[in-house]
Amino acid sequence: WTEEFQENVYIHNLEMVKNISALRGLTPWILKDFRSPRRP
């Protein structure tokens, strides 16, 4: 739940996508926090 945790996940995932030869795009999840009843 820290910003540093999220930042670290992004850093390593963006390294991962470089390994996908057919990758032609990204739409990471998500632009803005949003309401969800699953998240109490």
Full PDB file with SEQRES, HELIX, SHEET, SSBOND, CRYST1, ORIGX, SCALE, CONECT and MASTER records, all heavy atoms in Angstrom:
SEQRES   1 A   40  TRP THR GLU GLU PHE GLN GLU ASN VAL TYR ILE HIS ASN          
SEQRES   2 A   40  LEU GLU MET VAL LYS ASN ILE SER ALA LEU ARG GLY LEU          
SEQRES   3 A   40  THR PRO TRP ILE LEU LYS ASP PHE ARG SER PRO ARG ARG          
SEQRES   4 A   40  PRO                                                          
HELIX    1 AA1 GLU A    3  MET A   16  1                                  14    
HELIX    2 AA2 VAL A   17  ASN A   19  5                                   3    
CRYST1    1.000    1.000    1.000  90.00  90.00  90.00 P 1           1          
ORIGX1      1.000000  0.000000  0.000000        0.00000                         
ORIGX2      0.000000  1.000000  0.000000        0.00000                         
ORIGX3      0.000000  0.000000  1.000000        0.00000                         
SCALE1      1.000000  0.000000  0.000000        0.00000                         
SCALE2      0.000000  1.000000  0.000000        0.00000                         
SCALE3      0.000000  0.000000  1.000000        0.00000                         
ATOM      1  N   TRP A   1       0.792  -1.224   0.000  1.00  0.00           N  
ATOM      2  CA  TRP A   1       0.000   0.000   0.000  1.00  0.00           C  
ATOM      3  C   TRP A   1       0.826   1.278   0.000  1.00  0.00           C  
ATOM      4  O   TRP A   1       0.275   2.373  -0.026  1.00  0.00           O  
ATOM      5  CB  TRP A   1      -1.003   0.034   1.158  1.00  0.00           C  
ATOM      6  CG  TRP A   1      -1.889  -1.160   1.205  1.00  0.00           C  
ATOM      7  CD1 TRP A   1      -1.924  -2.133   2.167  1.00  0.00           C  
ATOM      8  CD2 TRP A   1      -2.865  -1.548   0.227  1.00  0.00           C  
ATOM      9  NE1 TRP A   1      -2.849  -3.091   1.852  1.00  0.00           N  
ATOM     10  CE2 TRP A   1      -3.449  -2.755   0.672  1.00  0.00           C  
ATOM     11  CE3 TRP A   1      -3.316  -0.982  -0.977  1.00  0.00           C  
ATOM     12  CZ2 TRP A   1      -4.449  -3.404  -0.055  1.00  0.00           C  
ATOM     13  CZ3 TRP A   1      -4.306  -1.628  -1.691  1.00  0.00           C  
ATOM     14  CH2 TRP A   1      -4.859  -2.832  -1.225  1.00  0.00           C  
ATOM     15  N   THR A   2       2.157   1.163   0.027  1.00  0.00           N  
ATOM     16  CA  THR A   2       2.970   2.370  -0.054  1.00  0.00           C  
ATOM     17  C   THR A   2       3.185   2.749  -1.519  1.00  0.00           C  
ATOM     18  O   THR A   2       3.124   1.906  -2.420  1.00  0.00           O  
ATOM     19  CB  THR A   2       4.340   2.179   0.603  1.00  0.00           C  
ATOM     20  OG1 THR A   2       5.070   1.170  -0.120  1.00  0.00           O  
ATOM     21  CG2 THR A   2       4.189   1.761   2.065  1.00  0.00           C  
ATOM     22  N   GLU A   3       3.454   4.015  -1.727  1.00  0.00           N  
ATOM     23  CA  GLU A   3       3.770   4.456  -3.087  1.00  0.00           C  
ATOM     24  C   GLU A   3       5.046   3.784  -3.582  1.00  0.00           C  
ATOM     25  O   GLU A   3       5.189   3.523  -4.785  1.00  0.00           O  
ATOM     26  CB  GLU A   3       3.904   5.973  -3.126  1.00  0.00           C  
ATOM     27  CG  GLU A   3       2.594   6.723  -2.931  1.00  0.00           C  
ATOM     28  CD  GLU A   3       2.708   8.198  -3.280  1.00  0.00           C  
ATOM     29  OE1 GLU A   3       3.415   8.514  -4.270  1.00  0.00           O  
ATOM     30  OE2 GLU A   3       2.103   9.032  -2.578  1.00  0.00           O  
ATOM     31  N   GLU A   4       5.950   3.505  -2.659  1.00  0.00           N  
ATOM     32  CA  GLU A   4       7.208   2.866  -3.045  1.00  0.00           C  
ATOM     33  C   GLU A   4       6.987   1.441  -3.530  1.00  0.00           C  
ATOM     34  O   GLU A   4       7.658   0.976  -4.469  1.00  0.00           O  
ATOM     35  CB  GLU A   4       8.184   2.888  -1.875  1.00  0.00           C  
ATOM     36  CG  GLU A   4       8.767   4.265  -1.558  1.00  0.00           C  
ATOM     37  CD  GLU A   4       7.779   5.217  -0.882  1.00  0.00           C  
ATOM     38  OE1 GLU A   4       6.744   4.721  -0.357  1.00  0.00           O  
ATOM     39  OE2 GLU A   4       8.042   6.439  -0.856  1.00  0.00           O  
ATOM     40  N   PHE A   5       6.051   0.722  -2.910  1.00  0.00           N  
ATOM     41  CA  PHE A   5       5.716  -0.639  -3.355  1.00  0.00           C  
ATOM     42  C   PHE A   5       5.165  -0.591  -4.783  1.00  0.00           C  
ATOM     43  O   PHE A   5       5.607  -1.349  -5.659  1.00  0.00           O  
ATOM     44  CB  PHE A   5       4.682  -1.255  -2.407  1.00  0.00           C  
ATOM     45  CG  PHE A   5       4.403  -2.711  -2.656  1.00  0.00           C  
ATOM     46  CD1 PHE A   5       4.927  -3.689  -1.821  1.00  0.00           C  
ATOM     47  CD2 PHE A   5       3.598  -3.130  -3.715  1.00  0.00           C  
ATOM     48  CE1 PHE A   5       4.667  -5.040  -2.047  1.00  0.00           C  
ATOM     49  CE2 PHE A   5       3.332  -4.467  -3.954  1.00  0.00           C  
ATOM     50  CZ  PHE A   5       3.869  -5.420  -3.104  1.00  0.00           C  
ATOM     51  N   GLN A   6       4.212   0.280  -5.022  1.00  0.00           N  
ATOM     52  CA  GLN A   6       3.627   0.399  -6.357  1.00  0.00           C  
ATOM     53  C   GLN A   6       4.683   0.809  -7.382  1.00  0.00           C  
ATOM     54  O   GLN A   6       4.759   0.247  -8.487  1.00  0.00           O  
ATOM     55  CB  GLN A   6       2.493   1.433  -6.333  1.00  0.00           C  
ATOM     56  CG  GLN A   6       1.742   1.566  -7.654  1.00  0.00           C  
ATOM     57  CD  GLN A   6       0.764   2.726  -7.646  1.00  0.00           C  
ATOM     58  OE1 GLN A   6       1.094   3.821  -7.188  1.00  0.00           O  
ATOM     59  NE2 GLN A   6      -0.447   2.507  -8.152  1.00  0.00           N  
ATOM     60  N   GLU A   7       5.523   1.734  -7.012  1.00  0.00           N  
ATOM     61  CA  GLU A   7       6.593   2.184  -7.898  1.00  0.00           C  
ATOM     62  C   GLU A   7       7.518   1.028  -8.265  1.00  0.00           C  
ATOM     63  O   GLU A   7       7.891   0.851  -9.442  1.00  0.00           O  
ATOM     64  CB  GLU A   7       7.379   3.298  -7.202  1.00  0.00           C  
ATOM     65  CG  GLU A   7       8.575   3.815  -7.986  1.00  0.00           C  
ATOM     66  CD  GLU A   7       9.400   4.787  -7.156  1.00  0.00           C  
ATOM     67  OE1 GLU A   7       9.565   4.548  -5.924  1.00  0.00           O  
ATOM     68  OE2 GLU A   7       9.876   5.779  -7.720  1.00  0.00           O  
ATOM     69  N   ASN A   8       7.870   0.200  -7.290  1.00  0.00           N  
ATOM     70  CA  ASN A   8       8.774  -0.929  -7.522  1.00  0.00           C  
ATOM     71  C   ASN A   8       8.141  -1.961  -8.453  1.00  0.00           C  
ATOM     72  O   ASN A   8       8.809  -2.533  -9.324  1.00  0.00           O  
ATOM     73  CB  ASN A   8       9.138  -1.572  -6.181  1.00  0.00           C  
ATOM     74  CG  ASN A   8      10.289  -2.545  -6.299  1.00  0.00           C  
ATOM     75  OD1 ASN A   8      11.316  -2.250  -6.925  1.00  0.00           O  
ATOM     76  ND2 ASN A   8      10.130  -3.723  -5.703  1.00  0.00           N  
ATOM     77  N   VAL A   9       6.842  -2.209  -8.275  1.00  0.00           N  
ATOM     78  CA  VAL A   9       6.141  -3.138  -9.169  1.00  0.00           C  
ATOM     79  C   VAL A   9       6.190  -2.618 -10.597  1.00  0.00           C  
ATOM     80  O   VAL A   9       6.441  -3.383 -11.546  1.00  0.00           O  
ATOM     81  CB  VAL A   9       4.691  -3.344  -8.698  1.00  0.00           C  
ATOM     82  CG1 VAL A   9       3.867  -4.062  -9.763  1.00  0.00           C  
ATOM     83  CG2 VAL A   9       4.657  -4.139  -7.394  1.00  0.00           C  
ATOM     84  N   TYR A  10       5.966  -1.339 -10.783  1.00  0.00           N  
ATOM     85  CA  TYR A  10       6.011  -0.769 -12.128  1.00  0.00           C  
ATOM     86  C   TYR A  10       7.405  -0.868 -12.731  1.00  0.00           C  
ATOM     87  O   TYR A  10       7.556  -1.204 -13.914  1.00  0.00           O  
ATOM     88  CB  TYR A  10       5.532   0.684 -12.113  1.00  0.00           C  
ATOM     89  CG  TYR A  10       4.059   0.822 -12.446  1.00  0.00           C  
ATOM     90  CD1 TYR A  10       3.087   0.612 -11.474  1.00  0.00           C  
ATOM     91  CD2 TYR A  10       3.644   1.141 -13.733  1.00  0.00           C  
ATOM     92  CE1 TYR A  10       1.741   0.733 -11.775  1.00  0.00           C  
ATOM     93  CE2 TYR A  10       2.295   1.264 -14.047  1.00  0.00           C  
ATOM     94  CZ  TYR A  10       1.343   1.050 -13.069  1.00  0.00           C  
ATOM     95  OH  TYR A  10       0.007   1.149 -13.369  1.00  0.00           O  
ATOM     96  N   ILE A  11       8.401  -0.578 -11.954  1.00  0.00           N  
ATOM     97  CA  ILE A  11       9.776  -0.624 -12.474  1.00  0.00           C  
ATOM     98  C   ILE A  11      10.085  -1.998 -13.052  1.00  0.00           C  
ATOM     99  O   ILE A  11      10.597  -2.124 -14.174  1.00  0.00           O  
ATOM    100  CB  ILE A  11      10.778  -0.256 -11.361  1.00  0.00           C  
ATOM    101  CG1 ILE A  11      10.685   1.238 -11.041  1.00  0.00           C  
ATOM    102  CG2 ILE A  11      12.202  -0.632 -11.765  1.00  0.00           C  
ATOM    103  CD1 ILE A  11      11.469   1.647  -9.796  1.00  0.00           C  
ATOM    104  N   HIS A  12       9.746  -3.056 -12.311  1.00  0.00           N  
ATOM    105  CA  HIS A  12      10.101  -4.408 -12.750  1.00  0.00           C  
ATOM    106  C   HIS A  12       9.142  -4.942 -13.806  1.00  0.00           C  
ATOM    107  O   HIS A  12       9.551  -5.736 -14.671  1.00  0.00           O  
ATOM    108  CB  HIS A  12      10.181  -5.336 -11.543  1.00  0.00           C  
ATOM    109  CG  HIS A  12      11.359  -5.046 -10.664  1.00  0.00           C  
ATOM    110  ND1 HIS A  12      11.288  -4.207  -9.577  1.00  0.00           N  
ATOM    111  CD2 HIS A  12      12.648  -5.452 -10.742  1.00  0.00           C  
ATOM    112  CE1 HIS A  12      12.479  -4.121  -8.999  1.00  0.00           C  
ATOM    113  NE2 HIS A  12      13.321  -4.863  -9.690  1.00  0.00           N  
ATOM    114  N   ASN A  13       7.890  -4.519 -13.775  1.00  0.00           N  
ATOM    115  CA  ASN A  13       6.965  -4.942 -14.827  1.00  0.00           C  
ATOM    116  C   ASN A  13       7.320  -4.317 -16.168  1.00  0.00           C  
ATOM    117  O   ASN A  13       7.152  -4.938 -17.224  1.00  0.00           O  
ATOM    118  CB  ASN A  13       5.519  -4.600 -14.451  1.00  0.00           C  
ATOM    119  CG  ASN A  13       4.825  -5.704 -13.689  1.00  0.00           C  
ATOM    120  OD1 ASN A  13       4.056  -6.495 -14.248  1.00  0.00           O  
ATOM    121  ND2 ASN A  13       5.082  -5.779 -12.398  1.00  0.00           N  
ATOM    122  N   LEU A  14       7.791  -3.095 -16.151  1.00  0.00           N  
ATOM    123  CA  LEU A  14       8.187  -2.453 -17.398  1.00  0.00           C  
ATOM    124  C   LEU A  14       9.461  -3.067 -17.969  1.00  0.00           C  
ATOM    125  O   LEU A  14       9.713  -2.990 -19.176  1.00  0.00           O  
ATOM    126  CB  LEU A  14       8.326  -0.943 -17.197  1.00  0.00           C  
ATOM    127  CG  LEU A  14       7.014  -0.227 -16.879  1.00  0.00           C  
ATOM    128  CD1 LEU A  14       7.253   1.252 -16.610  1.00  0.00           C  
ATOM    129  CD2 LEU A  14       5.989  -0.418 -17.991  1.00  0.00           C  
ATOM    130  N   GLU A  15      10.237  -3.679 -17.113  1.00  0.00           N  
ATOM    131  CA  GLU A  15      11.356  -4.500 -17.609  1.00  0.00           C  
ATOM    132  C   GLU A  15      10.818  -5.789 -18.224  1.00  0.00           C  
ATOM    133  O   GLU A  15      11.300  -6.247 -19.261  1.00  0.00           O  
ATOM    134  CB  GLU A  15      12.335  -4.814 -16.481  1.00  0.00           C  
ATOM    135  CG  GLU A  15      13.179  -3.631 -16.050  1.00  0.00           C  
ATOM    136  CD  GLU A  15      14.063  -3.123 -17.182  1.00  0.00           C  
ATOM    137  OE1 GLU A  15      14.714  -3.939 -17.868  1.00  0.00           O  
ATOM    138  OE2 GLU A  15      14.087  -1.889 -17.389  1.00  0.00           O  
ATOM    139  N   MET A  16       9.790  -6.371 -17.585  1.00  0.00           N  
ATOM    140  CA  MET A  16       9.206  -7.615 -18.079  1.00  0.00           C  
ATOM    141  C   MET A  16       8.644  -7.452 -19.492  1.00  0.00           C  
ATOM    142  O   MET A  16       8.840  -8.321 -20.351  1.00  0.00           O  
ATOM    143  CB  MET A  16       8.089  -8.075 -17.140  1.00  0.00           C  
ATOM    144  CG  MET A  16       7.323  -9.305 -17.619  1.00  0.00           C  
ATOM    145  SD  MET A  16       5.811  -9.613 -16.656  1.00  0.00           S  
ATOM    146  CE  MET A  16       4.764  -8.267 -17.251  1.00  0.00           C  
ATOM    147  N   VAL A  17       7.943  -6.359 -19.752  1.00  0.00           N  
ATOM    148  CA  VAL A  17       7.281  -6.233 -21.043  1.00  0.00           C  
ATOM    149  C   VAL A  17       8.275  -6.127 -22.193  1.00  0.00           C  
ATOM    150  O   VAL A  17       7.922  -6.411 -23.345  1.00  0.00           O  
ATOM    151  CB  VAL A  17       6.311  -5.038 -21.058  1.00  0.00           C  
ATOM    152  CG1 VAL A  17       5.239  -5.192 -19.989  1.00  0.00           C  
ATOM    153  CG2 VAL A  17       7.039  -3.705 -20.919  1.00  0.00           C  
ATOM    154  N   LYS A  18       9.504  -5.771 -21.866  1.00  0.00           N  
ATOM    155  CA  LYS A  18      10.534  -5.732 -22.909  1.00  0.00           C  
ATOM    156  C   LYS A  18      10.861  -7.132 -23.420  1.00  0.00           C  
ATOM    157  O   LYS A  18      11.443  -7.278 -24.509  1.00  0.00           O  
ATOM    158  CB  LYS A  18      11.799  -5.055 -22.380  1.00  0.00           C  
ATOM    159  CG  LYS A  18      11.605  -3.586 -22.014  1.00  0.00           C  
ATOM    160  CD  LYS A  18      12.870  -3.002 -21.405  1.00  0.00           C  
ATOM    161  CE  LYS A  18      12.673  -1.545 -20.990  1.00  0.00           C  
ATOM    162  NZ  LYS A  18      13.895  -0.968 -20.352  1.00  0.00           N  
ATOM    163  N   ASN A  19      10.467  -8.142 -22.648  1.00  0.00           N  
ATOM    164  CA  ASN A  19      10.720  -9.524 -23.050  1.00  0.00           C  
ATOM    165  C   ASN A  19       9.648 -10.089 -23.976  1.00  0.00           C  
ATOM    166  O   ASN A  19       9.752 -11.247 -24.402  1.00  0.00           O  
ATOM    167  CB  ASN A  19      10.803 -10.431 -21.817  1.00  0.00           C  
ATOM    168  CG  ASN A  19      11.890 -10.008 -20.847  1.00  0.00           C  
ATOM    169  OD1 ASN A  19      12.909  -9.443 -21.260  1.00  0.00           O  
ATOM    170  ND2 ASN A  19      11.692 -10.274 -19.562  1.00  0.00           N  
ATOM    171  N   ILE A  20       8.624  -9.331 -24.274  1.00  0.00           N  
ATOM    172  CA  ILE A  20       7.522  -9.811 -25.109  1.00  0.00           C  
ATOM    173  C   ILE A  20       7.744  -9.287 -26.522  1.00  0.00           C  
ATOM    174  O   ILE A  20       7.497  -8.105 -26.810  1.00  0.00           O  
ATOM    175  CB  ILE A  20       6.161  -9.337 -24.552  1.00  0.00           C  
ATOM    176  CG1 ILE A  20       6.008  -9.728 -23.087  1.00  0.00           C  
ATOM    177  CG2 ILE A  20       5.016  -9.927 -25.380  1.00  0.00           C  
ATOM    178  CD1 ILE A  20       4.753  -9.178 -22.417  1.00  0.00           C  
ATOM    179  N   SER A  21       8.203 -10.140 -27.404  1.00  0.00           N  
ATOM    180  CA  SER A  21       8.609  -9.685 -28.741  1.00  0.00           C  
ATOM    181  C   SER A  21       7.436  -9.137 -29.546  1.00  0.00           C  
ATOM    182  O   SER A  21       7.615  -8.248 -30.375  1.00  0.00           O  
ATOM    183  CB  SER A  21       9.275 -10.835 -29.506  1.00  0.00           C  
ATOM    184  OG  SER A  21       8.366 -11.918 -29.679  1.00  0.00           O  
ATOM    185  N   ALA A  22       6.240  -9.672 -29.321  1.00  0.00           N  
ATOM    186  CA  ALA A  22       5.068  -9.238 -30.087  1.00  0.00           C  
ATOM    187  C   ALA A  22       4.317  -8.097 -29.405  1.00  0.00           C  
ATOM    188  O   ALA A  22       3.239  -7.709 -29.868  1.00  0.00           O  
ATOM    189  CB  ALA A  22       4.123 -10.415 -30.315  1.00  0.00           C  
ATOM    190  N   LEU A  23       4.876  -7.542 -28.333  1.00  0.00           N  
ATOM    191  CA  LEU A  23       4.177  -6.475 -27.615  1.00  0.00           C  
ATOM    192  C   LEU A  23       4.096  -5.227 -28.484  1.00  0.00           C  
ATOM    193  O   LEU A  23       5.104  -4.714 -28.958  1.00  0.00           O  
ATOM    194  CB  LEU A  23       4.908  -6.143 -26.313  1.00  0.00           C  
ATOM    195  CG  LEU A  23       4.141  -5.164 -25.413  1.00  0.00           C  
ATOM    196  CD1 LEU A  23       3.033  -5.907 -24.670  1.00  0.00           C  
ATOM    197  CD2 LEU A  23       5.069  -4.477 -24.425  1.00  0.00           C  
ATOM    198  N   ARG A  24       2.855  -4.736 -28.646  1.00  0.00           N  
ATOM    199  CA  ARG A  24       2.643  -3.530 -29.438  1.00  0.00           C  
ATOM    200  C   ARG A  24       1.863  -2.468 -28.667  1.00  0.00           C  
ATOM    201  O   ARG A  24       1.382  -1.496 -29.255  1.00  0.00           O  
ATOM    202  CB  ARG A  24       1.904  -3.866 -30.734  1.00  0.00           C  
ATOM    203  CG  ARG A  24       2.693  -4.778 -31.678  1.00  0.00           C  
ATOM    204  CD  ARG A  24       4.002  -4.130 -32.133  1.00  0.00           C  
ATOM    205  NE  ARG A  24       4.752  -4.993 -33.032  1.00  0.00           N  
ATOM    206  CZ  ARG A  24       5.700  -5.851 -32.647  1.00  0.00           C  
ATOM    207  NH1 ARG A  24       6.000  -5.960 -31.340  1.00  0.00           N  
ATOM    208  NH2 ARG A  24       6.340  -6.590 -33.517  1.00  0.00           N  
ATOM    209  N   GLY A  25       1.740  -2.658 -27.342  1.00  0.00           N  
ATOM    210  CA  GLY A  25       1.062  -1.643 -26.570  1.00  0.00           C  
ATOM    211  C   GLY A  25       0.871  -2.029 -25.123  1.00  0.00           C  
ATOM    212  O   GLY A  25       1.000  -3.208 -24.740  1.00  0.00           O  
ATOM    213  N   LEU A  26       0.588  -1.012 -24.303  1.00  0.00           N  
ATOM    214  CA  LEU A  26       0.328  -1.187 -22.871  1.00  0.00           C  
ATOM    215  C   LEU A  26      -0.869  -0.321 -22.479  1.00  0.00           C  
ATOM    216  O   LEU A  26      -1.010   0.800 -22.964  1.00  0.00           O  
ATOM    217  CB  LEU A  26       1.523  -0.724 -22.026  1.00  0.00           C  
ATOM    218  CG  LEU A  26       2.855  -1.430 -22.116  1.00  0.00           C  
ATOM    219  CD1 LEU A  26       3.907  -0.600 -21.366  1.00  0.00           C  
ATOM    220  CD2 LEU A  26       2.762  -2.801 -21.496  1.00  0.00           C  
ATOM    221  N   THR A  27      -1.695  -0.831 -21.571  1.00  0.00           N  
ATOM    222  CA  THR A  27      -2.697   0.010 -20.902  1.00  0.00           C  
ATOM    223  C   THR A  27      -2.718  -0.386 -19.424  1.00  0.00           C  
ATOM    224  O   THR A  27      -3.640  -1.071 -18.966  1.00  0.00           O  
ATOM    225  CB  THR A  27      -4.111  -0.155 -21.514  1.00  0.00           C  
ATOM    226  OG1 THR A  27      -4.468  -1.543 -21.545  1.00  0.00           O  
ATOM    227  CG2 THR A  27      -4.171   0.414 -22.908  1.00  0.00           C  
ATOM    228  N   PRO A  28      -1.712   0.007 -18.657  1.00  0.00           N  
ATOM    229  CA  PRO A  28      -1.651  -0.381 -17.237  1.00  0.00           C  
ATOM    230  C   PRO A  28      -2.922   0.017 -16.483  1.00  0.00           C  
ATOM    231  O   PRO A  28      -3.646   0.934 -16.876  1.00  0.00           O  
ATOM    232  CB  PRO A  28      -0.432   0.369 -16.720  1.00  0.00           C  
ATOM    233  CG  PRO A  28       0.435   0.541 -17.927  1.00  0.00           C  
ATOM    234  CD  PRO A  28      -0.520   0.774 -19.057  1.00  0.00           C  
ATOM    235  N   TRP A  29      -3.140  -0.677 -15.366  1.00  0.00           N  
ATOM    236  CA  TRP A  29      -4.332  -0.471 -14.549  1.00  0.00           C  
ATOM    237  C   TRP A  29      -3.971   0.348 -13.328  1.00  0.00           C  
ATOM    238  O   TRP A  29      -3.291  -0.144 -12.468  1.00  0.00           O  
ATOM    239  CB  TRP A  29      -4.897  -1.837 -14.120  1.00  0.00           C  
ATOM    240  CG  TRP A  29      -6.297  -1.742 -13.599  1.00  0.00           C  
ATOM    241  CD1 TRP A  29      -6.692  -1.780 -12.291  1.00  0.00           C  
ATOM    242  CD2 TRP A  29      -7.481  -1.590 -14.372  1.00  0.00           C  
ATOM    243  NE1 TRP A  29      -8.053  -1.661 -12.209  1.00  0.00           N  
ATOM    244  CE2 TRP A  29      -8.566  -1.535 -13.466  1.00  0.00           C  
ATOM    245  CE3 TRP A  29      -7.737  -1.473 -15.741  1.00  0.00           C  
ATOM    246  CZ2 TRP A  29      -9.880  -1.385 -13.895  1.00  0.00           C  
ATOM    247  CZ3 TRP A  29      -9.040  -1.335 -16.155  1.00  0.00           C  
ATOM    248  CH2 TRP A  29     -10.101  -1.291 -15.228  1.00  0.00           C  
ATOM    249  N   ILE A  30      -4.367   1.575 -13.205  1.00  0.00           N  
ATOM    250  CA  ILE A  30      -5.326   2.329 -13.980  1.00  0.00           C  
ATOM    251  C   ILE A  30      -4.978   3.801 -13.779  1.00  0.00           C  
ATOM    252  O   ILE A  30      -4.184   4.144 -12.903  1.00  0.00           O  
ATOM    253  CB  ILE A  30      -6.763   1.999 -13.529  1.00  0.00           C  
ATOM    254  CG1 ILE A  30      -7.835   2.674 -14.410  1.00  0.00           C  
ATOM    255  CG2 ILE A  30      -6.966   2.341 -12.050  1.00  0.00           C  
ATOM    256  CD1 ILE A  30      -9.265   2.145 -14.155  1.00  0.00           C  
ATOM    257  N   LEU A  31      -5.566   4.714 -14.545  1.00  0.00           N  
ATOM    258  CA  LEU A  31      -5.218   6.134 -14.448  1.00  0.00           C  
ATOM    259  C   LEU A  31      -5.502   6.687 -13.055  1.00  0.00           C  
ATOM    260  O   LEU A  31      -4.644   7.334 -12.449  1.00  0.00           O  
ATOM    261  CB  LEU A  31      -5.991   6.938 -15.501  1.00  0.00           C  
ATOM    262  CG  LEU A  31      -5.739   8.450 -15.497  1.00  0.00           C  
ATOM    263  CD1 LEU A  31      -4.300   8.763 -15.873  1.00  0.00           C  
ATOM    264  CD2 LEU A  31      -6.710   9.165 -16.446  1.00  0.00           C  
ATOM    265  N   LYS A  32      -6.704   6.448 -12.544  1.00  0.00           N  
ATOM    266  CA  LYS A  32      -7.158   7.097 -11.312  1.00  0.00           C  
ATOM    267  C   LYS A  32      -7.822   6.085 -10.383  1.00  0.00           C  
ATOM    268  O   LYS A  32      -8.489   5.169 -10.844  1.00  0.00           O  
ATOM    269  CB  LYS A  32      -8.158   8.218 -11.677  1.00  0.00           C  
ATOM    270  CG  LYS A  32      -8.860   8.875 -10.501  1.00  0.00           C  
ATOM    271  CD  LYS A  32     -10.018   9.727 -10.969  1.00  0.00           C  
ATOM    272  CE  LYS A  32     -10.913  10.132  -9.808  1.00  0.00           C  
ATOM    273  NZ  LYS A  32     -11.683   9.000  -9.262  1.00  0.00           N  
ATOM    274  N   ASP A  33      -7.628   6.266  -9.070  1.00  0.00           N  
ATOM    275  CA  ASP A  33      -8.368   5.458  -8.097  1.00  0.00           C  
ATOM    276  C   ASP A  33      -9.868   5.559  -8.375  1.00  0.00           C  
ATOM    277  O   ASP A  33     -10.373   6.630  -8.726  1.00  0.00           O  
ATOM    278  CB  ASP A  33      -8.094   5.940  -6.671  1.00  0.00           C  
ATOM    279  CG  ASP A  33      -6.682   5.625  -6.200  1.00  0.00           C  
ATOM    280  OD1 ASP A  33      -5.965   4.891  -6.902  1.00  0.00           O  
ATOM    281  OD2 ASP A  33      -6.311   6.121  -5.127  1.00  0.00           O  
ATOM    282  N   PHE A  34     -10.574   4.443  -8.181  1.00  0.00           N  
ATOM    283  CA  PHE A  34     -12.006   4.433  -8.468  1.00  0.00           C  
ATOM    284  C   PHE A  34     -12.742   3.631  -7.405  1.00  0.00           C  
ATOM    285  O   PHE A  34     -12.176   2.764  -6.739  1.00  0.00           O  
ATOM    286  CB  PHE A  34     -12.285   3.863  -9.867  1.00  0.00           C  
ATOM    287  CG  PHE A  34     -11.838   2.429 -10.046  1.00  0.00           C  
ATOM    288  CD1 PHE A  34     -12.723   1.369  -9.871  1.00  0.00           C  
ATOM    289  CD2 PHE A  34     -10.525   2.138 -10.407  1.00  0.00           C  
ATOM    290  CE1 PHE A  34     -12.317   0.055 -10.043  1.00  0.00           C  
ATOM    291  CE2 PHE A  34     -10.100   0.820 -10.576  1.00  0.00           C  
ATOM    292  CZ  PHE A  34     -11.001  -0.221 -10.397  1.00  0.00           C  
ATOM    293  N   ARG A  35     -14.030   3.906  -7.257  1.00  0.00           N  
ATOM    294  CA  ARG A  35     -14.849   3.268  -6.238  1.00  0.00           C  
ATOM    295  C   ARG A  35     -15.081   1.786  -6.558  1.00  0.00           C  
ATOM    296  O   ARG A  35     -15.334   1.426  -7.703  1.00  0.00           O  
ATOM    297  CB  ARG A  35     -16.204   3.966  -6.137  1.00  0.00           C  
ATOM    298  CG  ARG A  35     -16.186   5.263  -5.358  1.00  0.00           C  
ATOM    299  CD  ARG A  35     -16.046   4.996  -3.882  1.00  0.00           C  
ATOM    300  NE  ARG A  35     -16.184   6.214  -3.080  1.00  0.00           N  
ATOM    301  CZ  ARG A  35     -15.899   6.249  -1.791  1.00  0.00           C  
ATOM    302  NH1 ARG A  35     -15.456   5.170  -1.166  1.00  0.00           N  
ATOM    303  NH2 ARG A  35     -16.044   7.369  -1.113  1.00  0.00           N  
ATOM    304  N   SER A  36     -15.019   0.948  -5.517  1.00  0.00           N  
ATOM    305  CA  SER A  36     -15.326  -0.471  -5.680  1.00  0.00           C  
ATOM    306  C   SER A  36     -15.783  -1.059  -4.355  1.00  0.00           C  
ATOM    307  O   SER A  36     -15.087  -0.919  -3.338  1.00  0.00           O  
ATOM    308  CB  SER A  36     -14.103  -1.255  -6.172  1.00  0.00           C  
ATOM    309  OG  SER A  36     -14.386  -2.643  -6.165  1.00  0.00           O  
ATOM    310  N   PRO A  37     -16.939  -1.734  -4.323  1.00  0.00           N  
ATOM    311  CA  PRO A  37     -17.415  -2.354  -3.079  1.00  0.00           C  
ATOM    312  C   PRO A  37     -16.589  -3.566  -2.673  1.00  0.00           C  
ATOM    313  O   PRO A  37     -16.743  -4.056  -1.551  1.00  0.00           O  
ATOM    314  CB  PRO A  37     -18.854  -2.750  -3.412  1.00  0.00           C  
ATOM    315  CG  PRO A  37     -18.881  -2.891  -4.889  1.00  0.00           C  
ATOM    316  CD  PRO A  37     -17.899  -1.890  -5.421  1.00  0.00           C  
ATOM    317  N   ARG A  38     -15.710  -4.031  -3.554  1.00  0.00           N  
ATOM    318  CA  ARG A  38     -14.842  -5.170  -3.225  1.00  0.00           C  
ATOM    319  C   ARG A  38     -13.640  -4.756  -2.380  1.00  0.00           C  
ATOM    320  O   ARG A  38     -12.836  -5.602  -2.006  1.00  0.00           O  
ATOM    321  CB  ARG A  38     -14.323  -5.820  -4.515  1.00  0.00           C  
ATOM    322  CG  ARG A  38     -15.375  -6.465  -5.383  1.00  0.00           C  
ATOM    323  CD  ARG A  38     -14.780  -6.921  -6.711  1.00  0.00           C  
ATOM    324  NE  ARG A  38     -13.695  -7.866  -6.516  1.00  0.00           N  
ATOM    325  CZ  ARG A  38     -13.862  -9.185  -6.392  1.00  0.00           C  
ATOM    326  NH1 ARG A  38     -15.075  -9.701  -6.420  1.00  0.00           N  
ATOM    327  NH2 ARG A  38     -12.825  -9.982  -6.238  1.00  0.00           N  
ATOM    328  N   ARG A  39     -13.487  -3.473  -2.096  1.00  0.00           N  
ATOM    329  CA  ARG A  39     -12.262  -2.955  -1.491  1.00  0.00           C  
ATOM    330  C   ARG A  39     -12.576  -2.250  -0.168  1.00  0.00           C  
ATOM    331  O   ARG A  39     -12.557  -1.028  -0.073  1.00  0.00           O  
ATOM    332  CB  ARG A  39     -11.575  -1.993  -2.455  1.00  0.00           C  
ATOM    333  CG  ARG A  39     -11.450  -2.521  -3.874  1.00  0.00           C  
ATOM    334  CD  ARG A  39     -10.523  -3.707  -3.996  1.00  0.00           C  
ATOM    335  NE  ARG A  39     -10.546  -4.288  -5.340  1.00  0.00           N  
ATOM    336  CZ  ARG A  39      -9.739  -5.253  -5.759  1.00  0.00           C  
ATOM    337  NH1 ARG A  39      -8.833  -5.753  -4.918  1.00  0.00           N  
ATOM    338  NH2 ARG A  39      -9.828  -5.732  -6.975  1.00  0.00           N  
ATOM    339  N   PRO A  40     -12.866  -3.014   0.905  1.00  0.00           N  
ATOM    340  CA  PRO A  40     -13.337  -2.388   2.141  1.00  0.00           C  
ATOM    341  C   PRO A  40     -12.256  -2.040   3.171  1.00  0.00           C  
ATOM    342  O   PRO A  40     -12.587  -1.507   4.226  1.00  0.00           O  
ATOM    343  CB  PRO A  40     -14.260  -3.473   2.711  1.00  0.00           C  
ATOM    344  CG  PRO A  40     -13.602  -4.756   2.292  1.00  0.00           C  
ATOM    345  CD  PRO A  40     -13.015  -4.483   0.935  1.00  0.00           C  
TER     346      PRO A  40                                                      
MASTER        0    0    0    2    0    0    0    6  345    1    0    4          
END                                                                             
